[in-house]
Amino acid sequence: MAQVQVRKVRKAFGAVEVIHGVDIAIADGEFVVLVGPSGCGKSTLLRMIAGLESISGGAITIGERIVNNLPPSERDIAMVFQNYALYPHMKVRDNMAFALRLRKMDRRAVDERVARAAEILGLSPLLDRYPRQLSGGQRQRVAMGRAIVRDPQVFLFDEPLSNLDAKLRVQMRTEIKELHQRLKTTTVYVTHDQVEAMTMADKIVVLQDGRVEQIGAPLELFDRPANVFVAGFIGSPAMNLLNGTVAGGDGAGVEVNGARLAVAGRHQVAAGQPVLFGIRPEHLELAPEGFPARVSVVEPTGSETMVFLRFGDSDLVALFRERHDFKPGDTIHLRPRADQVHLFHAENGQRI
């Protein structure tokens, strides 16, 4: 195991810079998830850690070594890809053992490592099958087993679950988390799915356009997003963000679409200042004295009911644990929980 340091790392393709001086510190044994929308640079950053992409500036350290100029084979990392990357003509056993045999490792030691990894991943009955005889989830386990047998300092996962169906994704993310808890190997995991990030990570790095927007524990990012981008990206369904104006001193109230909405705590804002009023869908409550909103769409899931609404010139979403018989066109009255309101600067989107 080893810590990983990414210091002032840049990446440019010709004149186009795609990674802009990124700094990330990953502790020994930590499970860190790089998350962000498509094209934000997360897979490029992972490939630079792996040595599959050169870096244009800065330094990457694995353990005590700066690895900028080391080939992937000398970085003591193991990577699990989105498309499994299994050899179709090799049985599961040989796919898992291939890298060890390239190292000229003793055959008995190879067999022991493969057997141990197969037992951990529930692959023992499948060792003599070919990849074409496996399901998607089983193939992904084989890819993980091939990484485990190498006993690397760092695991790198590049969107490993994106080819799986929804039910299998939930199962596999639990298995990957359990595997990390058992092996305690430093892990860097890339996904565009913020639910995966929230449920798996010790620490999340939110990226946008090749820059780090915020780094922190999952609940820290959920409870105190640093800016509008993180607020809208972390959480499902996303936080409601409404244009408003501070109605009183210290931001105790915000005027939104003609309604005054209460805000708990004190904020460094002046009366009349334009702000973005943030409230998560689950923190909107039904209240006779609340603001009126017209129902557009109702999506019941059984355990929850998601309601899409129109409030003045704004769209918003409310999430209820209880079941309600709302219909499109109905008007309901809502009240935000004042202690769960987030305020952001209207100009730069930063948290107030």
Protein backbone atom coordinates (compact mmCIF):
# COMPACT_ATOMS: atom_id res chain seq x y z
CA MET A 1 0.00 0.00 0.00
CA ALA A 2 1.10 3.57 -0.57
CA GLN A 3 -0.04 7.17 -0.52
CA VAL A 4 -0.53 8.96 -3.83
CA GLN A 5 0.27 12.66 -4.31
CA VAL A 6 -0.87 14.65 -7.35
CA ARG A 7 0.85 18.04 -7.26
CA LYS A 8 0.16 20.90 -9.68
CA VAL A 9 -0.49 18.38 -12.44
CA ARG A 10 -1.35 19.72 -15.89
CA LYS A 11 -2.19 18.01 -19.15
CA ALA A 12 -2.33 19.63 -22.58
CA PHE A 13 -3.09 18.15 -25.97
CA GLY A 14 -1.25 20.55 -28.22
CA ALA A 15 -2.46 24.06 -27.39
CA VAL A 16 -5.54 22.78 -25.53
CA GLU A 17 -5.06 22.37 -21.77
CA VAL A 18 -7.49 19.83 -20.26
CA ILE A 19 -6.09 19.45 -16.71
CA HIS A 20 -5.29 22.73 -14.97
CA GLY A 21 -2.85 22.38 -12.05
CA VAL A 22 -4.69 19.71 -10.02
CA ASP A 23 -3.65 18.98 -6.41
CA ILE A 24 -4.90 15.80 -4.69
CA ALA A 25 -3.48 14.00 -1.63
CA ILE A 26 -4.56 10.36 -1.25
CA ALA A 27 -3.66 8.71 2.05
CA ASP A 28 -2.35 5.17 2.42
CA GLY A 29 -5.29 2.75 2.30
CA GLU A 30 -7.83 5.41 1.34
CA PHE A 31 -10.66 4.88 -1.18
CA VAL A 32 -10.87 8.08 -3.25
CA VAL A 33 -13.44 8.65 -5.99
CA LEU A 34 -12.90 11.11 -8.84
CA VAL A 35 -16.34 12.25 -9.98
CA GLY A 36 -17.65 14.75 -12.47
CA PRO A 37 -19.56 15.05 -15.75
CA SER A 38 -18.32 13.53 -19.00
CA GLY A 39 -15.30 15.42 -20.33
CA CYS A 40 -14.22 16.87 -16.96
CA GLY A 41 -10.81 15.14 -17.08
CA LYS A 42 -11.26 12.43 -14.46
CA SER A 43 -10.28 9.47 -16.70
CA THR A 44 -7.34 11.46 -18.12
CA LEU A 45 -6.13 12.11 -14.58
CA LEU A 46 -6.44 8.41 -13.69
CA ARG A 47 -4.52 7.43 -16.82
CA MET A 48 -1.74 9.87 -15.86
CA ILE A 49 -1.49 8.21 -12.43
CA ALA A 50 -1.31 4.84 -14.23
CA GLY A 51 1.34 6.06 -16.67
CA LEU A 52 -0.87 5.55 -19.72
CA GLU A 53 -0.83 9.31 -20.41
CA SER A 54 2.19 11.60 -20.06
CA ILE A 55 1.85 14.70 -17.91
CA SER A 56 2.55 18.22 -19.17
CA GLY A 57 3.55 19.66 -15.80
CA GLY A 58 3.64 18.97 -12.07
CA ALA A 59 4.47 15.71 -10.29
CA ILE A 60 2.79 12.43 -9.36
CA THR A 61 4.17 10.49 -6.40
CA ILE A 62 3.30 6.89 -5.47
CA GLY A 63 4.78 5.99 -2.11
CA GLU A 64 8.12 7.75 -1.92
CA ARG A 65 8.80 7.77 -5.67
CA ILE A 66 8.04 10.45 -8.24
CA VAL A 67 6.70 8.36 -11.12
CA ASN A 68 6.38 11.00 -13.86
CA ASN A 69 8.76 9.17 -16.19
CA LEU A 70 8.20 5.58 -15.09
CA PRO A 71 6.32 3.17 -17.39
CA PRO A 72 3.10 1.60 -16.02
CA SER A 73 4.85 -1.72 -15.33
CA GLU A 74 7.20 -0.05 -12.84
CA ARG A 75 4.58 1.94 -10.89
CA ASP A 76 3.26 -1.04 -8.87
CA ILE A 77 -0.36 -0.27 -9.75
CA ALA A 78 -3.19 -2.45 -11.09
CA MET A 79 -5.96 -1.02 -13.26
CA VAL A 80 -9.50 -2.28 -13.83
CA PHE A 81 -11.04 -0.98 -17.04
CA GLN A 82 -14.62 -0.25 -18.09
CA ASN A 83 -14.57 -2.91 -20.81
CA TYR A 84 -12.95 -5.67 -18.65
CA ALA A 85 -10.02 -6.11 -21.17
CA LEU A 86 -9.94 -9.91 -20.77
CA TYR A 87 -8.14 -12.22 -23.21
CA PRO A 88 -10.98 -14.11 -24.96
CA HIS A 89 -8.82 -17.16 -25.81
CA MET A 90 -7.71 -17.67 -22.19
CA LYS A 91 -9.64 -19.33 -19.40
CA VAL A 92 -10.44 -17.35 -16.24
CA ARG A 93 -7.51 -18.97 -14.42
CA ASP A 94 -5.05 -17.94 -17.13
CA ASN A 95 -6.46 -14.41 -17.43
CA MET A 96 -5.88 -13.90 -13.71
CA ALA A 97 -2.42 -15.47 -13.77
CA PHE A 98 -1.10 -13.82 -16.94
CA ALA A 99 0.69 -10.83 -15.38
CA LEU A 100 2.34 -13.02 -12.74
CA ARG A 101 3.63 -15.45 -15.35
CA LEU A 102 5.13 -12.54 -17.28
CA ARG A 103 7.12 -11.81 -14.13
CA LYS A 104 8.44 -15.42 -14.20
CA MET A 105 6.88 -16.06 -10.81
CA ASP A 106 7.03 -19.58 -9.39
CA ARG A 107 4.06 -21.63 -10.66
CA ARG A 108 3.00 -22.73 -7.18
CA ALA A 109 2.98 -19.13 -5.94
CA VAL A 110 0.92 -18.11 -8.99
CA ASP A 111 -1.61 -20.88 -8.35
CA GLU A 112 -1.88 -19.89 -4.68
CA ARG A 113 -2.51 -16.22 -5.51
CA VAL A 114 -5.10 -17.07 -8.16
CA ALA A 115 -6.90 -19.47 -5.82
CA ARG A 116 -6.96 -16.86 -3.04
CA ALA A 117 -8.31 -14.12 -5.30
CA ALA A 118 -10.89 -16.50 -6.81
CA GLU A 119 -12.11 -17.43 -3.33
CA ILE A 120 -12.41 -13.78 -2.28
CA LEU A 121 -14.44 -12.94 -5.41
CA GLY A 122 -16.52 -16.12 -5.61
CA LEU A 123 -14.83 -17.20 -8.85
CA SER A 124 -13.55 -20.63 -7.79
CA PRO A 125 -16.22 -22.58 -9.76
CA LEU A 126 -15.53 -20.48 -12.88
CA LEU A 127 -11.74 -20.83 -13.21
CA ASP A 128 -11.94 -23.18 -16.20
CA ARG A 129 -14.46 -21.12 -18.20
CA TYR A 130 -13.70 -18.68 -21.01
CA PRO A 131 -14.83 -15.00 -20.79
CA ARG A 132 -17.57 -15.60 -23.40
CA GLN A 133 -19.15 -18.11 -20.98
CA LEU A 134 -19.49 -15.49 -18.22
CA SER A 135 -22.03 -12.80 -17.42
CA GLY A 136 -21.03 -9.13 -17.32
CA GLY A 137 -20.75 -9.17 -13.53
CA GLN A 138 -18.60 -12.31 -13.58
CA ARG A 139 -16.29 -10.78 -16.19
CA GLN A 140 -15.87 -7.71 -14.03
CA ARG A 141 -14.96 -9.94 -11.07
CA VAL A 142 -12.32 -11.65 -13.22
CA ALA A 143 -10.88 -8.24 -14.14
CA MET A 144 -10.79 -7.38 -10.42
CA GLY A 145 -9.19 -10.76 -9.64
CA ARG A 146 -6.47 -10.12 -12.20
CA ALA A 147 -5.71 -6.87 -10.34
CA ILE A 148 -5.81 -8.47 -6.87
CA VAL A 149 -3.31 -11.26 -7.66
CA ARG A 150 -0.66 -8.67 -8.47
CA ASP A 151 -0.87 -7.35 -4.88
CA PRO A 152 -0.19 -3.77 -6.05
CA GLN A 153 0.37 -0.65 -3.97
CA VAL A 154 -2.58 1.09 -5.68
CA PHE A 155 -5.78 -0.05 -7.41
CA LEU A 156 -7.11 2.16 -10.21
CA PHE A 157 -10.72 1.69 -11.38
CA ASP A 158 -11.93 3.45 -14.56
CA GLU A 159 -15.76 3.43 -14.54
CA PRO A 160 -15.81 -0.36 -13.99
CA LEU A 161 -19.59 -0.66 -13.53
CA SER A 162 -20.89 1.45 -16.41
CA ASN A 163 -21.55 -1.59 -18.65
CA LEU A 164 -23.69 -3.37 -16.05
CA ASP A 165 -27.45 -3.19 -15.48
CA ALA A 166 -28.82 -1.18 -12.56
CA LYS A 167 -29.34 -4.09 -10.14
CA LEU A 168 -25.90 -5.56 -10.82
CA ARG A 169 -24.26 -2.16 -10.40
CA VAL A 170 -25.65 -1.89 -6.87
CA GLN A 171 -24.41 -5.39 -6.06
CA MET A 172 -20.96 -4.83 -7.55
CA ARG A 173 -20.35 -1.51 -5.85
CA THR A 174 -21.05 -3.22 -2.51
CA GLU A 175 -18.61 -6.00 -3.41
CA ILE A 176 -15.89 -3.51 -4.41
CA LYS A 177 -16.34 -1.63 -1.13
CA GLU A 178 -16.20 -4.86 0.88
CA LEU A 179 -13.08 -5.88 -1.06
CA HIS A 180 -11.39 -2.60 -0.15
CA GLN A 181 -12.32 -3.01 3.51
CA ARG A 182 -10.71 -6.46 3.44
CA LEU A 183 -7.53 -5.64 1.49
CA LYS A 184 -7.01 -2.01 2.66
CA THR A 185 -5.25 -1.19 -0.62
CA THR A 186 -5.10 2.46 -1.69
CA THR A 187 -7.79 2.86 -4.35
CA VAL A 188 -8.57 5.58 -6.92
CA TYR A 189 -11.95 5.10 -8.58
CA VAL A 190 -13.40 7.11 -11.47
CA THR A 191 -17.13 7.46 -12.12
CA HIS A 192 -19.62 9.98 -13.48
CA ASP A 193 -22.30 8.51 -11.17
CA GLN A 194 -22.50 10.61 -7.99
CA VAL A 195 -24.52 7.88 -6.20
CA GLU A 196 -21.58 5.51 -6.71
CA ALA A 197 -19.26 8.20 -5.39
CA MET A 198 -21.40 8.88 -2.31
CA THR A 199 -21.83 5.21 -1.37
CA MET A 200 -18.27 3.99 -1.97
CA ALA A 201 -15.81 6.78 -1.19
CA ASP A 202 -13.83 7.68 1.90
CA LYS A 203 -13.11 10.92 0.07
CA ILE A 204 -14.61 12.45 -3.09
CA VAL A 205 -12.83 14.73 -5.56
CA VAL A 206 -15.34 16.71 -7.66
CA LEU A 207 -13.92 17.79 -11.02
CA GLN A 208 -15.22 20.18 -13.66
CA ASP A 209 -13.39 21.25 -16.83
CA GLY A 210 -10.08 19.88 -15.57
CA ARG A 211 -10.22 21.72 -12.21
CA VAL A 212 -10.95 20.52 -8.68
CA GLU A 213 -14.17 22.08 -7.40
CA GLN A 214 -14.14 20.47 -3.93
CA ILE A 215 -12.51 17.61 -2.01
CA GLY A 216 -14.07 16.05 1.08
CA ALA A 217 -15.95 13.19 2.71
CA PRO A 218 -19.24 12.30 0.98
CA LEU A 219 -21.51 13.77 3.66
CA GLU A 220 -19.31 16.87 3.95
CA LEU A 221 -19.87 17.60 0.26
CA PHE A 222 -23.58 16.83 0.58
CA ASP A 223 -24.09 19.02 3.67
CA ARG A 224 -21.76 21.92 2.78
CA PRO A 225 -21.17 22.16 -0.98
CA ALA A 226 -18.52 24.77 -1.77
CA ASN A 227 -20.32 26.15 -4.79
CA VAL A 228 -23.33 25.86 -7.07
CA PHE A 229 -21.69 23.20 -9.26
CA VAL A 230 -21.06 20.82 -6.35
CA ALA A 231 -24.50 21.57 -4.90
CA GLY A 232 -26.15 20.62 -8.18
CA PHE A 233 -23.95 17.60 -8.87
CA ILE A 234 -23.86 15.86 -5.47
CA GLY A 235 -27.24 14.52 -4.38
CA SER A 236 -29.99 12.71 -6.25
CA PRO A 237 -32.32 14.32 -7.11
CA ALA A 238 -30.23 17.48 -7.38
CA MET A 239 -30.54 20.48 -5.08
CA ASN A 240 -33.09 23.12 -6.09
CA LEU A 241 -31.39 26.45 -6.86
CA LEU A 242 -33.67 29.49 -7.04
CA ASN A 243 -32.81 33.10 -7.87
CA GLY A 244 -33.62 35.38 -4.96
CA THR A 245 -32.84 38.62 -3.14
CA VAL A 246 -31.81 39.01 0.49
CA ALA A 247 -34.85 40.43 2.27
CA GLY A 248 -33.30 41.38 5.62
CA GLY A 249 -29.99 41.83 7.42
CA ASP A 250 -27.74 38.78 7.96
CA GLY A 251 -29.64 36.83 5.31
CA ALA A 252 -32.39 35.78 7.72
CA GLY A 253 -34.86 35.78 4.82
CA VAL A 254 -34.71 35.61 1.03
CA GLU A 255 -37.32 36.91 -1.39
CA VAL A 256 -37.99 34.32 -4.12
CA ASN A 257 -40.75 34.81 -6.72
CA GLY A 258 -42.65 37.12 -4.39
CA ALA A 259 -42.44 34.80 -1.35
CA ARG A 260 -40.24 35.41 1.66
CA LEU A 261 -38.39 32.23 2.63
CA ALA A 262 -36.74 31.86 6.04
CA VAL A 263 -33.02 31.08 6.42
CA ALA A 264 -31.50 29.85 9.70
CA GLY A 265 -28.18 31.23 10.97
CA ARG A 266 -26.34 34.44 10.12
CA HIS A 267 -24.70 35.17 6.78
CA GLN A 268 -22.39 37.93 5.56
CA VAL A 269 -24.86 39.41 3.09
CA ALA A 270 -26.57 42.78 2.69
CA ALA A 271 -30.26 43.47 2.20
CA GLY A 272 -31.10 43.55 -1.50
CA GLN A 273 -28.13 41.39 -2.50
CA PRO A 274 -28.97 38.86 -5.25
CA VAL A 275 -28.32 35.26 -4.15
CA LEU A 276 -29.05 31.70 -5.16
CA PHE A 277 -31.33 30.00 -2.64
CA GLY A 278 -30.53 26.27 -2.39
CA ILE A 279 -32.79 23.63 -0.85
CA ARG A 280 -32.66 19.87 -1.36
CA PRO A 281 -35.91 18.19 -2.53
CA GLU A 282 -36.20 16.15 0.68
CA HIS A 283 -36.04 19.34 2.79
CA LEU A 284 -39.25 20.80 1.34
CA GLU A 285 -42.26 20.21 3.61
CA LEU A 286 -45.99 20.51 3.01
CA ALA A 287 -47.32 23.47 5.02
CA PRO A 288 -50.59 25.47 4.69
CA GLU A 289 -48.68 28.74 5.18
CA GLY A 290 -45.96 27.85 2.66
CA PHE A 291 -45.41 29.19 -0.84
CA PRO A 292 -47.71 27.92 -3.63
CA ALA A 293 -46.35 25.62 -6.33
CA ARG A 294 -48.15 23.94 -9.22
CA VAL A 295 -47.64 20.20 -9.80
CA SER A 296 -46.23 19.31 -13.24
CA VAL A 297 -45.28 15.62 -12.95
CA VAL A 298 -45.55 13.01 -10.17
CA GLU A 299 -43.11 10.08 -10.06
CA PRO A 300 -43.96 7.47 -7.39
CA THR A 301 -41.24 4.87 -6.72
CA GLY A 302 -42.95 3.03 -3.86
CA SER A 303 -40.70 4.14 -1.02
CA GLU A 304 -40.70 7.79 -2.17
CA THR A 305 -42.72 10.18 -4.29
CA MET A 306 -40.87 12.71 -6.44
CA VAL A 307 -42.93 15.73 -7.46
CA PHE A 308 -41.86 18.18 -10.18
CA LEU A 309 -43.31 21.64 -9.63
CA ARG A 310 -43.53 25.16 -11.03
CA PHE A 311 -43.05 28.02 -8.57
CA GLY A 312 -43.40 31.42 -10.24
CA ASP A 313 -40.83 31.34 -13.05
CA SER A 314 -38.78 28.57 -11.40
CA ASP A 315 -38.84 24.77 -11.67
CA LEU A 316 -38.21 22.72 -8.56
CA VAL A 317 -38.47 19.17 -7.22
CA ALA A 318 -39.88 17.96 -3.90
CA LEU A 319 -39.31 14.48 -2.45
CA PHE A 320 -41.73 12.93 0.04
CA ARG A 321 -41.41 9.70 2.02
CA GLU A 322 -45.17 9.69 2.54
CA ARG A 323 -47.57 8.85 -0.28
CA HIS A 324 -49.68 11.71 -1.65
CA ASP A 325 -52.39 11.70 -4.29
CA PHE A 326 -51.09 14.72 -6.22
CA LYS A 327 -52.16 15.23 -9.83
CA PRO A 328 -50.71 17.47 -12.57
CA GLY A 329 -52.25 20.93 -12.26
CA ASP A 330 -52.77 20.72 -8.48
CA THR A 331 -51.45 23.58 -6.36
CA ILE A 332 -49.68 22.60 -3.15
CA HIS A 333 -48.01 24.74 -0.48
CA LEU A 334 -44.42 24.09 0.54
CA ARG A 335 -42.06 25.38 3.20
CA PRO A 336 -38.25 24.90 3.10
CA ARG A 337 -36.65 23.74 6.33
CA ALA A 338 -34.82 26.91 7.35
CA ASP A 339 -31.93 24.99 8.93
CA GLN A 340 -31.27 23.15 5.64
CA VAL A 341 -31.10 26.19 3.33
CA HIS A 342 -27.88 26.93 1.39
CA LEU A 343 -27.04 30.40 0.09
CA PHE A 344 -24.66 31.07 -2.81
CA HIS A 345 -23.36 34.26 -4.43
CA ALA A 346 -25.37 34.97 -7.58
CA GLU A 347 -22.27 36.26 -9.41
CA ASN A 348 -19.65 33.53 -8.84
CA GLY A 349 -21.73 30.67 -7.41
CA GLN A 350 -19.58 30.33 -4.28
CA ARG A 351 -21.09 29.38 -0.95
CA ILE A 352 -21.97 32.26 1.39
